[in-house]
Amino acid sequence: MEDLDGPRYGPASGGTPRRLVLLCHGLGADGHDLIDLAPTWAHALPDAAFVAPDAPYPCDMAPSGRQWFSVADRSPARMEAGVRRAAAVLDRFIDAELARLSLPAPAYALMGFSQGAMTVLFAGLRRTSAPRAILAFSGALIAPEKLVAELANRAPVLLVHGEADEVVPVSRSRDAAVTLRAAGIAVEETYSGRLGHGIDDAGLTAGALFLQRGFAEGG
């Protein structure tokens, strides 16, 4: 069994954490790649603890960094098998972090970038205890044809993508939005015209507002 760990931040308030936000990095990176988002979003969520786990496997396409699953074979079957395995690992980590912080089961949100976005979309919508929000930056929906049959919750989803993305085409987020809405999931979309494979200020602002709303609904 793979055990995750990674850098942590907050709560910025200095008090007891009341919420948890997990940040899942992309292919070939590690948790330090995303934990720097935490101080920015902590302005909106001062009582939140942030954690950016390192993905469970060494990247097989680079001399360093981590991966949630291999993309050496990008056939749909191999991608689905990989993300299912990653989702199971992430599931255990979410539960362990909530227990470690003495937080109730629904007091969390998921964010991912690129391969991390693919992982949180897949895992988050299949968890019995729904996240307050799922934020997918420059990602895609893997195995969309199986979503309805396997859907365990309808957590709200924010899709953020650069229209000039040369790694994961923006069409992957647009297609995901169609599939998610057809499954009855509330979706918001933010697209940046000149942005490539990255996160800009518009995405950061959209993410902060989405997290605020997600945690505000239901207390």
Protein backbone atom coordinates (compact mmCIF):
# COMPACT_ATOMS: atom_id res chain seq x y z
CA MET A 1 0.00 0.00 0.00
CA GLU A 2 1.31 3.41 -0.99
CA ASP A 3 1.30 6.09 1.71
CA LEU A 4 1.20 9.73 0.66
CA ASP A 5 2.82 12.70 2.33
CA GLY A 6 3.80 16.19 1.30
CA PRO A 7 4.18 19.82 2.35
CA ARG A 8 1.50 21.46 4.47
CA TYR A 9 0.41 25.03 5.21
CA GLY A 10 -1.93 26.71 7.65
CA PRO A 11 -4.33 27.48 9.00
CA ALA A 12 -3.27 31.07 8.36
CA SER A 13 -5.41 32.15 11.32
CA GLY A 14 -3.14 30.23 13.66
CA GLY A 15 -6.17 28.50 15.15
CA THR A 16 -7.59 25.01 14.94
CA PRO A 17 -8.27 23.92 11.35
CA ARG A 18 -11.93 23.77 10.38
CA ARG A 19 -11.47 22.67 6.77
CA LEU A 20 -8.99 20.82 4.61
CA VAL A 21 -7.91 21.60 1.04
CA LEU A 22 -5.86 19.02 -0.85
CA LEU A 23 -3.72 20.18 -3.79
CA CYS A 24 -2.68 17.50 -6.29
CA HIS A 25 0.22 18.31 -8.60
CA GLY A 26 0.84 17.38 -12.21
CA LEU A 27 3.07 14.87 -13.95
CA GLY A 28 6.76 15.11 -13.10
CA ALA A 29 6.31 17.58 -10.24
CA ASP A 30 5.76 17.12 -6.51
CA GLY A 31 3.80 18.69 -3.69
CA HIS A 32 6.09 21.72 -3.50
CA ASP A 33 4.86 22.68 -6.96
CA LEU A 34 1.40 23.56 -5.61
CA ILE A 35 1.75 24.33 -1.92
CA ASP A 36 2.68 27.91 -2.87
CA LEU A 37 -0.98 28.38 -3.83
CA ALA A 38 -1.98 27.93 -0.20
CA PRO A 39 -0.97 31.38 1.13
CA THR A 40 -2.99 33.04 -1.64
CA TRP A 41 -6.12 30.96 -1.04
CA ALA A 42 -5.66 31.21 2.72
CA HIS A 43 -6.83 34.82 2.47
CA ALA A 44 -10.21 33.41 1.49
CA LEU A 45 -10.02 30.44 3.90
CA PRO A 46 -7.97 31.49 6.94
CA ASP A 47 -9.18 28.53 8.98
CA ALA A 48 -8.22 25.92 6.36
CA ALA A 49 -5.32 23.49 6.46
CA PHE A 50 -3.70 22.87 3.08
CA VAL A 51 -1.72 19.81 2.06
CA ALA A 52 -0.05 19.03 -1.27
CA PRO A 53 0.77 15.31 -1.30
CA ASP A 54 3.54 13.97 -3.48
CA ALA A 55 2.07 11.55 -6.00
CA PRO A 56 2.69 7.90 -5.12
CA TYR A 57 5.01 6.86 -7.96
CA PRO A 58 8.31 8.07 -9.44
CA CYS A 59 7.80 9.69 -12.83
CA ASP A 60 8.71 7.16 -15.52
CA MET A 61 9.22 9.83 -18.18
CA ALA A 62 11.63 12.13 -16.31
CA PRO A 63 14.73 11.76 -14.13
CA SER A 64 12.90 13.29 -11.17
CA GLY A 65 9.42 14.14 -9.97
CA ARG A 66 6.36 12.03 -9.24
CA GLN A 67 3.30 10.77 -11.08
CA TRP A 68 -0.20 9.68 -10.12
CA PHE A 69 -0.16 7.19 -12.98
CA SER A 70 1.91 6.43 -16.04
CA VAL A 71 1.11 8.05 -19.37
CA ALA A 72 3.66 6.04 -21.32
CA ASP A 73 0.65 4.20 -22.76
CA ARG A 74 -2.21 6.69 -23.26
CA SER A 75 -4.79 4.19 -24.41
CA PRO A 76 -8.14 4.74 -22.65
CA ALA A 77 -7.94 1.38 -20.86
CA ARG A 78 -4.46 2.04 -19.46
CA MET A 79 -5.34 5.60 -18.43
CA GLU A 80 -8.45 4.37 -16.65
CA ALA A 81 -6.56 1.61 -14.85
CA GLY A 82 -3.93 4.10 -13.76
CA VAL A 83 -6.32 6.71 -12.43
CA ARG A 84 -8.35 4.06 -10.57
CA ARG A 85 -5.24 2.96 -8.73
CA ALA A 86 -4.29 6.56 -7.98
CA ALA A 87 -7.81 7.35 -6.77
CA ALA A 88 -7.67 4.50 -4.26
CA VAL A 89 -4.39 5.86 -2.87
CA LEU A 90 -5.77 9.39 -2.69
CA ASP A 91 -8.95 8.13 -0.99
CA ARG A 92 -6.93 6.67 1.87
CA PHE A 93 -4.92 9.85 2.25
CA ILE A 94 -8.02 12.07 2.37
CA ASP A 95 -9.53 9.95 5.13
CA ALA A 96 -6.24 9.86 7.05
CA GLU A 97 -5.79 13.64 6.88
CA LEU A 98 -9.35 14.31 8.01
CA ALA A 99 -8.83 11.95 10.95
CA ARG A 100 -5.45 13.49 11.78
CA LEU A 101 -7.02 16.95 11.94
CA SER A 102 -10.15 15.70 13.76
CA LEU A 103 -12.35 17.04 10.98
CA PRO A 104 -15.75 15.67 9.95
CA ALA A 105 -15.96 13.65 6.75
CA PRO A 106 -17.34 16.42 4.47
CA ALA A 107 -14.95 19.18 5.60
CA TYR A 108 -12.64 19.02 2.60
CA ALA A 109 -12.13 20.22 -0.95
CA LEU A 110 -9.97 18.86 -3.76
CA MET A 111 -7.87 20.75 -6.27
CA GLY A 112 -5.63 19.34 -8.96
CA PHE A 113 -3.50 20.53 -11.84
CA SER A 114 -3.12 18.55 -15.09
CA GLN A 115 -2.71 14.88 -14.10
CA GLY A 116 -3.66 15.88 -10.56
CA ALA A 117 -6.87 17.40 -11.94
CA MET A 118 -7.68 14.15 -13.72
CA THR A 119 -7.13 12.30 -10.45
CA VAL A 120 -9.28 14.56 -8.24
CA LEU A 121 -12.14 14.58 -10.77
CA PHE A 122 -12.12 10.80 -10.90
CA ALA A 123 -11.67 10.22 -7.17
CA GLY A 124 -13.76 13.07 -5.81
CA LEU A 125 -16.99 12.23 -7.60
CA ARG A 126 -16.77 8.58 -6.53
CA ARG A 127 -16.39 9.23 -2.80
CA THR A 128 -19.37 8.53 -0.57
CA SER A 129 -18.56 11.61 1.48
CA ALA A 130 -18.68 14.40 -1.08
CA PRO A 131 -16.04 17.12 -1.15
CA ARG A 132 -17.32 20.66 -0.76
CA ALA A 133 -15.70 21.54 -4.09
CA ILE A 134 -13.55 20.01 -6.82
CA LEU A 135 -11.22 22.35 -8.72
CA ALA A 136 -9.68 20.94 -11.90
CA PHE A 137 -7.01 23.08 -13.57
CA SER A 138 -5.81 22.07 -17.05
CA GLY A 139 -7.29 18.61 -16.65
CA ALA A 140 -9.59 16.08 -18.26
CA LEU A 141 -12.31 13.60 -17.35
CA ILE A 142 -11.04 10.03 -17.67
CA ALA A 143 -13.55 7.28 -18.49
CA PRO A 144 -16.42 9.75 -18.96
CA GLU A 145 -18.70 6.98 -20.22
CA LYS A 146 -18.59 5.31 -16.77
CA LEU A 147 -19.23 8.41 -14.68
CA VAL A 148 -23.00 8.13 -14.30
CA ALA A 149 -22.90 4.47 -13.27
CA GLU A 150 -20.15 5.10 -10.71
CA LEU A 151 -21.17 8.56 -9.46
CA ALA A 152 -21.37 8.67 -5.65
CA ASN A 153 -22.00 12.41 -5.19
CA ARG A 154 -22.60 15.60 -7.12
CA ALA A 155 -19.98 17.91 -5.66
CA PRO A 156 -19.71 21.23 -7.52
CA VAL A 157 -16.85 21.38 -10.03
CA LEU A 158 -14.75 24.29 -11.26
CA LEU A 159 -12.90 23.74 -14.55
CA VAL A 160 -10.04 26.14 -15.31
CA HIS A 161 -8.00 25.90 -18.50
CA GLY A 162 -5.74 27.95 -20.74
CA GLU A 163 -6.99 28.12 -24.31
CA ALA A 164 -3.38 27.99 -25.52
CA ASP A 165 -2.59 24.83 -23.54
CA GLU A 166 -0.15 22.76 -25.58
CA VAL A 167 -0.07 19.78 -23.18
CA VAL A 168 -3.72 19.07 -22.34
CA PRO A 169 -6.00 20.67 -24.97
CA VAL A 170 -8.67 23.01 -23.65
CA SER A 171 -11.22 20.81 -25.42
CA ARG A 172 -10.72 18.25 -22.66
CA SER A 173 -12.21 20.62 -20.08
CA ARG A 174 -14.99 21.71 -22.42
CA ASP A 175 -15.90 18.06 -23.04
CA ALA A 176 -15.75 17.37 -19.31
CA ALA A 177 -18.18 20.22 -18.64
CA VAL A 178 -20.74 18.70 -21.02
CA THR A 179 -20.46 15.26 -19.42
CA LEU A 180 -20.60 16.59 -15.87
CA ARG A 181 -23.66 18.76 -16.51
CA ALA A 182 -25.42 15.84 -18.17
CA ALA A 183 -24.85 13.92 -14.91
CA GLY A 184 -26.52 16.67 -12.91
CA ILE A 185 -23.33 18.22 -11.53
CA ALA A 186 -23.07 21.99 -11.13
CA VAL A 187 -20.10 23.19 -13.19
CA GLU A 188 -18.34 26.54 -13.47
CA GLU A 189 -15.76 27.22 -16.18
CA THR A 190 -12.93 29.73 -16.45
CA TYR A 191 -10.86 29.93 -19.62
CA SER A 192 -7.87 32.19 -20.28
CA GLY A 193 -7.28 33.06 -23.91
CA ARG A 194 -3.49 33.30 -23.99
CA LEU A 195 -2.63 30.92 -21.17
CA GLY A 196 -0.73 27.73 -21.89
CA HIS A 197 -0.29 24.83 -19.48
CA GLY A 198 -0.29 26.75 -16.24
CA ILE A 199 -2.25 28.76 -13.68
CA ASP A 200 -2.77 32.51 -13.94
CA ASP A 201 -4.27 35.19 -11.69
CA ALA A 202 -7.73 34.72 -13.19
CA GLY A 203 -7.63 31.03 -12.27
CA LEU A 204 -6.38 31.77 -8.76
CA THR A 205 -9.19 34.26 -8.20
CA ALA A 206 -11.82 31.89 -9.56
CA GLY A 207 -10.45 29.13 -7.35
CA ALA A 208 -10.54 31.25 -4.20
CA LEU A 209 -14.15 32.28 -4.79
CA PHE A 210 -15.20 28.73 -5.62
CA LEU A 211 -13.63 27.38 -2.45
CA GLN A 212 -15.29 30.07 -0.38
CA ARG A 213 -18.70 29.27 -1.80
CA GLY A 214 -18.18 25.53 -1.51
CA PHE A 215 -17.41 25.69 2.17
CA ALA A 216 -20.05 28.33 2.89
CA GLU A 217 -22.85 26.09 1.60
CA GLY A 218 -23.88 23.81 4.40
CA GLY A 219 -21.78 25.51 7.04
